[in-house]
Amino acid sequence: MNVLSPAQARAWEEKSLKTGHRLKDLMREAVDGAWKALQPFLPDPGQALVLVGPGHNGDDAVLVGLELKHAGWDVEFLLSRSPGRRVHPDPRVKPKIWKKALVWPAKPARFLQARGPRLVVDGLLGLGATPPPHPAEGGILSWISEQKRDSDLNVGLDLPSGLHPGDGSTPGPVFLAHLTLALGSVKMGCLRDSALPWVGQIRGVPVDFGVPSPKPAGDFFLPSEAIQLIRRRPADLHKTGAGVVHLWTGSHLYPGAALLSSLGALRSGAGYVRLFNDRTISAPLSPHLPELLLKDLSPGSTPDLETFLTGANAFVIGSGLAPSEDLESFLTEFLPIVKKPVVLDAGALDVLARRPDLISTAGGPLILTPHAGELSRLLGQPIHDRADSAKEWMDQHSSTTLVLKGPHTLVAHAGHPISHNGSGGPSMATAGMGDLLSGLLGGLLAAGYPVRDACRLGVVWHGLAADHACRHGGPAVLASDVAASLPVTWRKLLMGAF
């Protein structure tokens, strides 16, 4: 799914309408997609308030409100302006909707009196409105922020009202969304780190405008798009042909990193996964991962270079390791002679922060998987916006691929726009997620996926598995929960079942 500037998004829709596409059809497609994307987040039907502005964003919100009504919700509509003789583009919206709707400054009594979780759908302002909001819309935004309960679910259509769609700035009142349903394209301002508190999670809703898209500013990779990258396994596949991954991960301080990175590599479909580590760390894994191959190391030692290299199609190094002199010495010898892809995480990234010269010595593809704090150490400066910092890193180190973890994890690869992940969410803010991801990436790389494809596919799969686990869990899911959800979500990716 494309990431576009406001001007590009408007021009795309206008071009579609000029070539004969009907507004009501585009709107129906957008709303149908938005309703489908919204359903996994909805609690049992209760009280809903739909905020309706004077433009097409408000028209979209009305249709979402009707879907909620059909699903058993008690829905109140609050208009920012008097409807007058307003006619909705979709003939399913009858005039009585406008007559029964509240008009600001009237207040929705049933919504205010509701005791359970409440739903608010924001359709006040769209791309045509430049913040700050006008008084009526601004008044509603200020009022609704005062009424917010922590258990409420706030949903923005296309973008939160009051947020600048181009740069993510907030020059006036803003709708605080927990979920934003991006219609047709993701507006570039929504992906700024400064906008995250207002945007919440983003779910992309594709719309077929029937005309070519403008050149995108970036990519928002959806689970439904993964089918473009997935390759079916041939019937005569052998274990070695499925890929061999070698890992040096885990330590006495972080033994779980060895388990989770190995589990990620095994779940990726790799034929063989071999863990190199101290037996006191690796041996306890056997009852839990009988499929894992172990190569014992003497306590405090590093893998034998020739043994570590032999037979592997990809490598994972650093998850759960301290940035020690031994690790630095190993990387100094290993990187110049390796020809296969190498995933570097955690302790290995801290070594690179001290020794950036090692990057240019690498003989094979380097995939770095930092979170924002680790990228800050790599760059030697604070991170104000991850996308800006990723571009800065790639300008300096174009031979690497960056998987920058966090909300909508970024994949930066030379010659391509930055790809933002369209799955996952705040339930993933728990220990071990990065360890699992590093192993998953190693397995996909060992299977022969091109580096950028492996990274985008691994990240979206990882996030989708977390979404699946979250539907059956609490505020957070464990990395082991995500690992258990990888097989069923791979099937969804393979079948395009969305």
Protein backbone atom coordinates (compact mmCIF):
# COMPACT_ATOMS: atom_id res chain seq x y z
CA MET A 1 0.00 0.00 0.00
CA ASN A 2 1.37 3.42 -0.94
CA VAL A 3 2.44 6.17 1.42
CA LEU A 4 1.45 9.49 -0.19
CA SER A 5 1.56 13.19 0.49
CA PRO A 6 -1.81 14.94 0.89
CA ALA A 7 -1.49 16.50 -2.58
CA GLN A 8 -0.73 13.13 -4.16
CA ALA A 9 -3.65 11.45 -2.41
CA ARG A 10 -6.09 14.14 -3.51
CA ALA A 11 -4.81 14.11 -7.09
CA TRP A 12 -5.15 10.31 -7.25
CA GLU A 13 -8.79 10.42 -6.19
CA GLU A 14 -9.59 13.37 -8.48
CA LYS A 15 -8.02 11.58 -11.45
CA SER A 16 -10.13 8.53 -10.70
CA LEU A 17 -13.33 10.60 -10.65
CA LYS A 18 -12.39 12.40 -13.87
CA THR A 19 -11.96 9.08 -15.67
CA GLY A 20 -15.50 8.01 -14.85
CA HIS A 21 -15.32 6.29 -11.48
CA ARG A 22 -18.25 7.18 -9.25
CA LEU A 23 -17.70 8.69 -5.83
CA LYS A 24 -20.33 6.47 -4.20
CA ASP A 25 -18.56 3.34 -5.50
CA LEU A 26 -15.17 4.46 -4.22
CA MET A 27 -16.76 5.37 -0.91
CA ARG A 28 -18.49 2.01 -0.58
CA GLU A 29 -15.24 0.18 -1.26
CA ALA A 30 -13.40 2.29 1.32
CA VAL A 31 -16.09 1.83 3.95
CA ASP A 32 -16.44 -1.91 3.32
CA GLY A 33 -12.69 -2.25 3.78
CA ALA A 34 -12.69 -0.04 6.86
CA TRP A 35 -15.48 -2.07 8.44
CA LYS A 36 -13.60 -5.31 7.81
CA ALA A 37 -10.39 -3.86 9.28
CA LEU A 38 -12.25 -2.50 12.31
CA GLN A 39 -14.04 -5.68 13.37
CA PRO A 40 -11.08 -7.45 15.07
CA PHE A 41 -10.72 -4.47 17.41
CA LEU A 42 -14.37 -4.15 18.42
CA PRO A 43 -15.68 -5.19 21.83
CA ASP A 44 -19.20 -6.54 22.22
CA PRO A 45 -21.79 -4.08 20.88
CA GLY A 46 -22.41 -1.13 23.16
CA GLN A 47 -22.61 2.63 22.79
CA ALA A 48 -21.04 4.36 19.80
CA LEU A 49 -20.65 8.00 18.87
CA VAL A 50 -19.91 8.98 15.27
CA LEU A 51 -18.43 12.45 14.73
CA VAL A 52 -19.51 13.77 11.33
CA GLY A 53 -17.85 16.71 9.58
CA PRO A 54 -19.11 18.56 6.50
CA GLY A 55 -16.96 16.73 3.91
CA HIS A 56 -16.56 13.28 2.42
CA ASN A 57 -14.74 12.08 5.53
CA GLY A 58 -17.99 12.70 7.39
CA ASP A 59 -19.90 10.82 4.69
CA ASP A 60 -17.59 7.84 5.21
CA ALA A 61 -18.21 8.01 8.96
CA VAL A 62 -21.98 7.92 8.49
CA LEU A 63 -21.68 4.68 6.51
CA VAL A 64 -19.47 3.15 9.20
CA GLY A 65 -22.10 4.20 11.73
CA LEU A 66 -24.78 2.36 9.77
CA GLU A 67 -22.61 -0.77 9.76
CA LEU A 68 -22.30 -0.47 13.53
CA LYS A 69 -26.08 -0.18 13.85
CA HIS A 70 -26.57 -3.32 11.80
CA ALA A 71 -24.09 -5.08 14.09
CA GLY A 72 -26.14 -4.22 17.18
CA TRP A 73 -24.51 -1.02 18.38
CA ASP A 74 -26.51 1.90 19.79
CA VAL A 75 -25.21 4.69 17.56
CA GLU A 76 -25.51 8.46 17.95
CA PHE A 77 -24.40 10.82 15.20
CA LEU A 78 -22.94 14.21 16.16
CA LEU A 79 -22.60 16.70 13.28
CA SER A 80 -20.24 19.65 13.49
CA ARG A 81 -22.47 21.74 11.19
CA SER A 82 -26.18 21.90 10.44
CA PRO A 83 -26.95 19.47 7.59
CA GLY A 84 -29.30 21.85 5.78
CA ARG A 85 -30.21 20.04 2.58
CA ARG A 86 -27.18 17.78 2.72
CA VAL A 87 -27.41 14.76 0.42
CA HIS A 88 -25.16 11.79 0.98
CA PRO A 89 -23.38 10.37 -2.12
CA ASP A 90 -24.63 6.90 -1.18
CA PRO A 91 -28.40 6.51 -1.66
CA ARG A 92 -28.51 4.07 1.27
CA VAL A 93 -28.22 7.08 3.56
CA LYS A 94 -31.75 8.44 3.84
CA PRO A 95 -32.65 12.05 4.80
CA LYS A 96 -33.93 10.87 8.19
CA ILE A 97 -30.30 10.21 9.23
CA TRP A 98 -29.60 13.94 9.07
CA LYS A 99 -32.88 14.83 10.79
CA LYS A 100 -32.21 12.54 13.74
CA ALA A 101 -28.55 13.50 14.13
CA LEU A 102 -27.37 15.84 16.86
CA VAL A 103 -25.75 19.10 15.81
CA TRP A 104 -22.96 20.63 17.86
CA PRO A 105 -23.08 22.04 20.56
CA ALA A 106 -25.78 19.47 21.43
CA LYS A 107 -24.39 16.61 23.53
CA PRO A 108 -25.05 12.86 23.02
CA ALA A 109 -26.90 11.83 26.18
CA ARG A 110 -26.82 8.06 25.70
CA PHE A 111 -23.11 8.12 24.98
CA LEU A 112 -22.39 10.19 28.09
CA GLN A 113 -24.50 7.93 30.31
CA ALA A 114 -23.03 4.64 29.03
CA ARG A 115 -21.20 2.68 31.68
CA GLY A 116 -19.30 0.15 29.59
CA PRO A 117 -16.58 0.65 26.96
CA ARG A 118 -17.58 3.20 24.34
CA LEU A 119 -16.64 3.56 20.70
CA VAL A 120 -15.94 6.89 19.00
CA VAL A 121 -15.56 7.11 15.22
CA ASP A 122 -13.93 10.31 13.97
CA GLY A 123 -15.10 11.60 10.59
CA LEU A 124 -14.78 15.33 11.29
CA LEU A 125 -11.93 16.35 9.00
CA GLY A 126 -10.24 14.75 6.02
CA LEU A 127 -7.53 15.64 3.53
CA GLY A 128 -9.33 18.80 2.45
CA ALA A 129 -8.97 20.46 5.85
CA THR A 130 -5.68 22.04 6.91
CA PRO A 131 -5.22 22.26 10.69
CA PRO A 132 -5.89 23.94 13.00
CA PRO A 133 -9.60 23.03 12.89
CA HIS A 134 -12.36 25.60 12.54
CA PRO A 135 -14.25 26.49 15.74
CA ALA A 136 -17.05 23.91 15.41
CA GLU A 137 -14.76 20.96 14.71
CA GLY A 138 -12.19 22.25 17.19
CA GLY A 139 -14.88 22.51 19.83
CA ILE A 140 -15.93 18.90 19.33
CA LEU A 141 -12.32 17.70 19.43
CA SER A 142 -11.63 19.54 22.66
CA TRP A 143 -14.88 18.29 24.20
CA ILE A 144 -14.38 14.64 23.21
CA SER A 145 -10.86 14.62 24.64
CA GLU A 146 -12.32 15.71 27.99
CA GLN A 147 -14.87 12.88 27.87
CA LYS A 148 -12.37 10.13 27.08
CA ARG A 149 -12.26 7.09 29.30
CA ASP A 150 -9.27 4.78 29.30
CA SER A 151 -11.50 1.87 28.27
CA ASP A 152 -12.93 3.69 25.23
CA LEU A 153 -11.90 2.81 21.68
CA ASN A 154 -11.28 5.84 19.44
CA VAL A 155 -11.11 5.22 15.70
CA GLY A 156 -9.93 7.72 13.11
CA LEU A 157 -11.04 7.45 9.48
CA ASP A 158 -8.14 8.07 7.10
CA LEU A 159 -6.32 10.24 9.68
CA PRO A 160 -7.12 11.76 13.07
CA SER A 161 -8.91 15.10 12.71
CA GLY A 162 -6.59 17.98 13.52
CA LEU A 163 -3.40 16.14 12.54
CA HIS A 164 -1.54 17.62 9.58
CA PRO A 165 -1.54 14.88 6.94
CA GLY A 166 1.77 16.01 5.47
CA ASP A 167 4.09 16.54 8.40
CA GLY A 168 2.18 15.10 11.37
CA SER A 169 2.09 18.39 13.23
CA THR A 170 -0.72 19.29 15.66
CA PRO A 171 -1.28 23.07 15.62
CA GLY A 172 -4.65 22.83 17.39
CA PRO A 173 -7.04 20.30 18.95
CA VAL A 174 -6.54 16.74 17.67
CA PHE A 175 -8.55 13.55 17.85
CA LEU A 176 -6.71 10.99 19.96
CA ALA A 177 -7.11 7.74 18.00
CA HIS A 178 -6.21 4.28 19.23
CA LEU A 179 -6.71 3.00 15.69
CA THR A 180 -6.49 4.82 12.35
CA LEU A 181 -7.99 3.24 9.24
CA ALA A 182 -6.01 4.64 6.30
CA LEU A 183 -8.25 4.77 3.23
CA GLY A 184 -6.64 4.18 -0.16
CA SER A 185 -3.18 5.24 0.98
CA VAL A 186 -1.36 6.04 4.19
CA LYS A 187 -0.79 9.77 4.53
CA MET A 188 2.86 10.46 5.21
CA GLY A 189 2.22 12.64 8.27
CA CYS A 190 0.62 9.69 10.06
CA LEU A 191 3.92 7.80 10.01
CA ARG A 192 5.97 10.46 11.77
CA ASP A 193 7.04 9.32 15.22
CA SER A 194 5.67 12.55 16.68
CA ALA A 195 2.22 11.61 15.33
CA LEU A 196 2.11 8.14 16.90
CA PRO A 197 0.37 9.27 20.13
CA TRP A 198 -2.51 10.64 18.03
CA VAL A 199 -2.62 8.03 15.27
CA GLY A 200 -2.32 4.85 17.34
CA GLN A 201 -2.20 1.66 15.30
CA ILE A 202 -2.65 2.04 11.55
CA ARG A 203 -4.52 -0.45 9.44
CA GLY A 204 -4.40 0.00 5.69
CA VAL A 205 -7.60 -0.14 3.65
CA PRO A 206 -6.82 -0.50 -0.07
CA VAL A 207 -9.10 1.21 -2.58
CA ASP A 208 -8.98 0.49 -6.30
CA PHE A 209 -9.06 3.92 -7.92
CA GLY A 210 -8.72 2.35 -11.36
CA VAL A 211 -5.85 4.66 -12.36
CA PRO A 212 -2.11 4.42 -11.68
CA SER A 213 -0.93 5.68 -8.31
CA PRO A 214 1.43 8.64 -8.06
CA LYS A 215 5.04 7.76 -7.23
CA PRO A 216 4.84 6.86 -3.55
CA ALA A 217 6.85 8.49 -0.80
CA GLY A 218 7.07 5.12 0.90
CA ASP A 219 5.51 1.71 1.29
CA PHE A 220 3.08 0.43 3.95
CA PHE A 221 3.32 -3.34 3.62
CA LEU A 222 0.05 -5.13 4.34
CA PRO A 223 -0.37 -8.80 5.24
CA SER A 224 -2.61 -9.16 2.19
CA GLU A 225 0.33 -8.11 -0.01
CA ALA A 226 2.65 -10.82 1.33
CA ILE A 227 1.32 -13.28 -1.25
CA GLN A 228 3.36 -11.32 -3.82
CA LEU A 229 6.56 -12.44 -2.10
CA ILE A 230 5.78 -15.94 -0.83
CA ARG A 231 7.24 -18.89 -2.71
CA ARG A 232 5.71 -22.35 -2.42
CA ARG A 233 8.02 -25.16 -1.38
CA PRO A 234 8.73 -27.67 -4.20
CA ALA A 235 7.55 -31.25 -3.77
CA ASP A 236 11.10 -32.65 -3.92
CA LEU A 237 12.50 -30.28 -1.29
CA HIS A 238 15.17 -31.71 1.03
CA LYS A 239 16.10 -30.48 4.50
CA THR A 240 19.33 -28.91 3.30
CA GLY A 241 17.48 -27.29 0.41
CA ALA A 242 15.03 -25.73 2.86
CA GLY A 243 17.92 -23.77 4.35
CA VAL A 244 20.46 -24.13 7.14
CA VAL A 245 20.73 -21.45 9.83
CA HIS A 246 23.59 -21.10 12.28
CA LEU A 247 23.03 -19.01 15.39
CA TRP A 248 25.30 -17.68 18.08
CA THR A 249 22.74 -16.25 20.47
CA GLY A 250 21.87 -16.32 24.18
CA SER A 251 23.91 -16.03 27.36
CA HIS A 252 23.71 -16.81 31.05
CA LEU A 253 22.06 -13.42 31.54
CA TYR A 254 19.62 -13.90 28.62
CA PRO A 255 19.15 -17.65 28.06
CA GLY A 256 15.69 -17.08 26.61
CA ALA A 257 17.25 -15.30 23.64
CA ALA A 258 18.78 -18.58 22.54
CA LEU A 259 15.44 -20.34 22.81
CA LEU A 260 13.43 -17.68 21.01
CA SER A 261 15.86 -16.99 18.16
CA SER A 262 16.17 -20.76 17.57
CA LEU A 263 12.39 -21.12 17.69
CA GLY A 264 11.98 -18.30 15.17
CA ALA A 265 14.43 -19.96 12.78
CA LEU A 266 12.72 -23.33 13.16
CA ARG A 267 9.24 -21.88 12.61
CA SER A 268 10.47 -20.05 9.51
CA GLY A 269 10.63 -23.35 7.64
CA ALA A 270 14.41 -23.80 7.77
CA GLY A 271 15.53 -27.41 7.27
CA TYR A 272 18.27 -27.32 9.90
CA VAL A 273 18.85 -24.87 12.73
CA ARG A 274 22.09 -25.16 14.69
CA LEU A 275 22.76 -23.20 17.88
CA PHE A 276 26.33 -22.52 18.98
CA ASN A 277 26.64 -21.88 22.71
CA ASP A 278 27.81 -23.01 26.11
CA ARG A 279 26.18 -26.34 26.94
CA THR A 280 24.79 -24.97 30.21
CA ILE A 281 22.68 -22.64 28.05
CA SER A 282 21.89 -24.87 25.08
CA ALA A 283 21.32 -28.26 26.73
CA PRO A 284 18.17 -27.20 28.65
CA LEU A 285 16.59 -26.28 25.30
CA SER A 286 16.50 -29.85 24.00
CA PRO A 287 13.33 -30.95 25.82
CA HIS A 288 11.53 -27.89 24.45
CA LEU A 289 13.08 -27.86 20.97
CA PRO A 290 14.04 -31.42 20.06
CA GLU A 291 14.44 -30.34 16.43
CA LEU A 292 17.27 -27.93 17.33
CA LEU A 293 20.85 -29.01 16.58
CA LEU A 294 23.42 -28.06 19.21
CA LYS A 295 27.10 -27.25 18.87
CA ASP A 296 28.64 -27.03 22.31
CA LEU A 297 31.17 -24.33 23.12
CA SER A 298 33.52 -24.21 26.05
CA PRO A 299 32.35 -21.69 28.66
CA GLY A 300 33.38 -18.18 27.60
CA SER A 301 34.60 -19.26 24.15
CA THR A 302 33.51 -18.23 20.67
CA PRO A 303 32.43 -20.52 17.80
CA ASP A 304 35.16 -22.08 15.70
CA LEU A 305 35.16 -19.97 12.57
CA GLU A 306 35.36 -22.81 10.04
CA THR A 307 32.70 -24.88 11.80
CA PHE A 308 30.37 -21.90 12.10
CA LEU A 309 30.71 -21.13 8.38
CA THR A 310 30.40 -24.68 7.06
CA GLY A 311 27.06 -25.64 5.52
CA ALA A 312 25.05 -22.60 6.60
CA ASN A 313 22.95 -20.46 4.27
CA ALA A 314 22.40 -17.66 6.79
CA PHE A 315 23.64 -16.59 10.20
CA VAL A 316 22.14 -14.91 13.26
CA ILE A 317 24.54 -13.35 15.78
CA GLY A 318 24.11 -11.20 18.85
CA SER A 319 20.65 -11.80 20.35
CA GLY A 320 21.19 -12.07 24.09
CA LEU A 321 24.97 -11.63 23.82
CA ALA A 322 26.96 -8.96 25.62
CA PRO A 323 29.05 -6.61 23.43
CA SER A 324 32.29 -8.24 24.60
CA GLU A 325 35.83 -8.16 23.27
CA ASP A 326 35.40 -11.80 22.29
CA LEU A 327 32.34 -10.97 20.18
CA GLU A 328 34.20 -8.07 18.60
CA SER A 329 37.18 -10.28 17.75
CA PHE A 330 34.89 -12.91 16.26
CA LEU A 331 33.07 -10.38 14.06
CA THR A 332 36.39 -8.90 12.97
CA GLU A 333 37.44 -12.29 11.61
CA PHE A 334 34.04 -13.52 10.49
CA LEU A 335 32.56 -10.63 8.51
CA PRO A 336 35.29 -10.34 5.83
CA ILE A 337 35.07 -14.02 4.89
CA VAL A 338 31.34 -14.72 5.10
CA LYS A 339 29.43 -14.67 1.80
CA LYS A 340 25.95 -15.49 3.06
CA PRO A 341 23.42 -13.13 4.74
CA VAL A 342 24.13 -12.25 8.37
CA VAL A 343 21.51 -10.95 10.82
CA LEU A 344 23.12 -8.86 13.57
CA ASP A 345 21.15 -8.07 16.71
CA ALA A 346 21.62 -6.74 20.25
CA GLY A 347 25.24 -7.26 21.41
CA ALA A 348 26.53 -7.41 17.83
CA LEU A 349 24.94 -4.02 17.12
CA ASP A 350 26.67 -2.50 20.12
CA VAL A 351 29.97 -3.84 18.78
CA LEU A 352 29.24 -2.10 15.46
CA ALA A 353 28.48 1.12 17.32
CA ARG A 354 32.04 0.99 18.68
CA ARG A 355 33.54 -0.36 15.47
CA PRO A 356 31.57 0.98 12.47
CA ASP A 357 34.56 0.17 10.28
CA LEU A 358 33.55 -3.50 10.47
CA ILE A 359 30.53 -2.80 8.27
CA SER A 360 32.61 -2.08 5.18
CA THR A 361 34.57 -5.33 5.63
CA ALA A 362 31.51 -7.58 5.30
CA GLY A 363 31.68 -10.02 2.41
CA GLY A 364 27.97 -10.84 2.48
CA PRO A 365 24.67 -9.02 3.07
CA LEU A 366 24.34 -7.47 6.53
CA ILE A 367 20.89 -7.17 8.09
CA LEU A 368 20.82 -4.99 11.20
CA THR A 369 17.82 -5.21 13.56
CA PRO A 370 18.06 -2.31 16.03
CA HIS A 371 15.37 -0.66 18.08
CA ALA A 372 15.50 3.13 18.29
CA GLY A 373 17.93 3.14 21.21
CA GLU A 374 20.35 0.86 19.40
CA LEU A 375 20.13 2.93 16.22
CA SER A 376 20.87 6.01 18.31
CA ARG A 377 24.10 4.37 19.48
CA LEU A 378 24.95 3.31 15.94
CA LEU A 379 24.47 6.85 14.63
CA GLY A 380 25.97 8.48 17.71
CA GLN A 381 23.05 10.88 18.12
CA PRO A 382 19.45 10.99 19.41
CA ILE A 383 16.61 9.67 17.26
CA HIS A 384 13.87 12.24 16.69
CA ASP A 385 12.11 10.39 13.89
CA ARG A 386 12.91 6.81 12.94
CA ALA A 387 12.30 7.28 9.21
CA ASP A 388 14.64 10.28 9.06
CA SER A 389 17.29 8.39 11.01
CA ALA A 390 16.89 5.31 8.81
CA LYS A 391 17.50 7.45 5.72
CA GLU A 392 20.55 8.99 7.36
CA TRP A 393 21.90 5.54 8.20
CA MET A 394 21.36 4.28 4.65
CA ASP A 395 23.12 7.35 3.23
CA GLN A 396 26.16 6.34 5.27
CA HIS A 397 25.88 2.54 4.98
CA SER A 398 24.00 1.69 1.80
CA SER A 399 25.40 -1.86 1.75
CA THR A 400 23.33 -2.79 4.83
CA THR A 401 19.63 -3.51 5.26
CA LEU A 402 18.01 -1.92 8.30
CA VAL A 403 15.10 -3.50 10.15
CA LEU A 404 14.25 -0.71 12.59
CA LYS A 405 11.98 -2.21 15.23
CA GLY A 406 9.11 -0.39 16.89
CA PRO A 407 5.59 0.69 15.91
CA HIS A 408 5.14 -0.15 12.21
CA THR A 409 8.70 -1.55 12.04
CA LEU A 410 10.67 0.02 9.19
CA VAL A 411 12.68 -1.84 6.55
CA ALA A 412 15.26 0.29 4.75
CA HIS A 413 17.10 -1.19 1.76
CA ALA A 414 19.17 0.65 -0.83
CA GLY A 415 17.33 1.61 -4.01
CA HIS A 416 13.84 1.26 -2.47
CA PRO A 417 11.53 3.54 -0.49
CA ILE A 418 11.29 2.81 3.21
CA SER A 419 8.76 0.09 3.94
CA HIS A 420 6.55 0.44 7.03
CA ASN A 421 4.97 -2.68 8.47
CA GLY A 422 1.16 -2.93 8.39
CA SER A 423 0.70 -5.52 11.14
CA GLY A 424 1.34 -5.83 14.88
CA GLY A 425 0.74 -3.36 17.66
CA PRO A 426 1.42 -2.37 21.26
CA SER A 427 0.78 -5.89 22.55
CA MET A 428 4.27 -6.66 21.22
CA ALA A 429 5.99 -4.37 23.72
CA THR A 430 7.40 -7.31 25.69
CA ALA A 431 10.79 -8.95 26.07
CA GLY A 432 11.96 -11.48 23.51
CA MET A 433 10.07 -10.21 20.46
CA GLY A 434 13.28 -9.08 18.75
CA ASP A 435 15.00 -12.41 19.47
CA LEU A 436 12.16 -14.30 17.80
CA LEU A 437 12.23 -11.94 14.82
CA SER A 438 15.98 -12.30 14.32
CA GLY A 439 15.63 -16.08 14.04
CA LEU A 440 12.64 -15.75 11.72
CA LEU A 441 14.61 -13.47 9.42
CA GLY A 442 17.57 -15.84 9.48
CA GLY A 443 15.36 -18.72 8.38
CA LEU A 444 13.75 -16.83 5.51
CA LEU A 445 17.17 -15.67 4.31
CA ALA A 446 18.48 -19.24 4.50
CA ALA A 447 15.54 -20.37 2.36
CA GLY A 448 16.81 -18.09 -0.40
CA TYR A 449 14.43 -15.14 -0.20
CA PRO A 450 16.05 -11.91 -1.45
CA VAL A 451 17.14 -9.77 1.47
CA ARG A 452 14.48 -7.06 1.23
CA ASP A 453 11.73 -9.60 0.59
CA ALA A 454 12.84 -11.71 3.56
CA CYS A 455 12.83 -8.68 5.86
CA ARG A 456 9.43 -7.34 4.80
CA LEU A 457 7.89 -10.81 4.84
CA GLY A 458 9.39 -11.69 8.22
CA VAL A 459 8.28 -8.46 9.84
CA VAL A 460 4.70 -8.61 8.55
CA TRP A 461 4.41 -12.30 9.48
CA HIS A 462 5.79 -11.63 12.97
CA GLY A 463 3.29 -8.79 13.49
CA LEU A 464 0.36 -10.78 12.11
CA ALA A 465 1.16 -13.65 14.48
CA ALA A 466 1.14 -11.17 17.37
CA ASP A 467 -2.25 -9.82 16.22
CA HIS A 468 -3.59 -13.37 16.15
CA ALA A 469 -2.27 -14.13 19.62
CA CYS A 470 -3.58 -10.83 20.98
CA ARG A 471 -7.16 -11.75 20.09
CA HIS A 472 -6.95 -14.61 22.56
CA GLY A 473 -4.85 -12.87 25.24
CA GLY A 474 -4.45 -9.83 27.43
CA PRO A 475 -2.82 -6.42 27.00
CA ALA A 476 0.48 -8.06 26.04
CA VAL A 477 1.38 -11.29 24.30
CA LEU A 478 4.53 -13.26 25.01
CA ALA A 479 7.08 -13.89 22.32
CA SER A 480 6.39 -17.59 22.80
CA ASP A 481 2.70 -16.88 22.11
CA VAL A 482 3.71 -15.24 18.86
CA ALA A 483 5.89 -18.21 17.95
CA ALA A 484 2.94 -20.53 18.49
CA SER A 485 0.83 -18.39 16.15
CA LEU A 486 3.35 -18.39 13.31
CA PRO A 487 2.08 -21.56 11.55
CA VAL A 488 -1.58 -20.54 11.36
CA THR A 489 -0.73 -17.01 10.23
CA TRP A 490 1.65 -18.30 7.57
CA ARG A 491 -1.28 -20.21 6.18
CA LYS A 492 -3.29 -16.98 6.09
CA LEU A 493 -0.48 -15.21 4.25
CA LEU A 494 -0.11 -18.08 1.78
CA MET A 495 -3.84 -18.27 1.05
CA GLY A 496 -4.43 -14.52 1.08
CA ALA A 497 -7.19 -15.16 3.61
CA PHE A 498 -8.00 -11.63 4.78
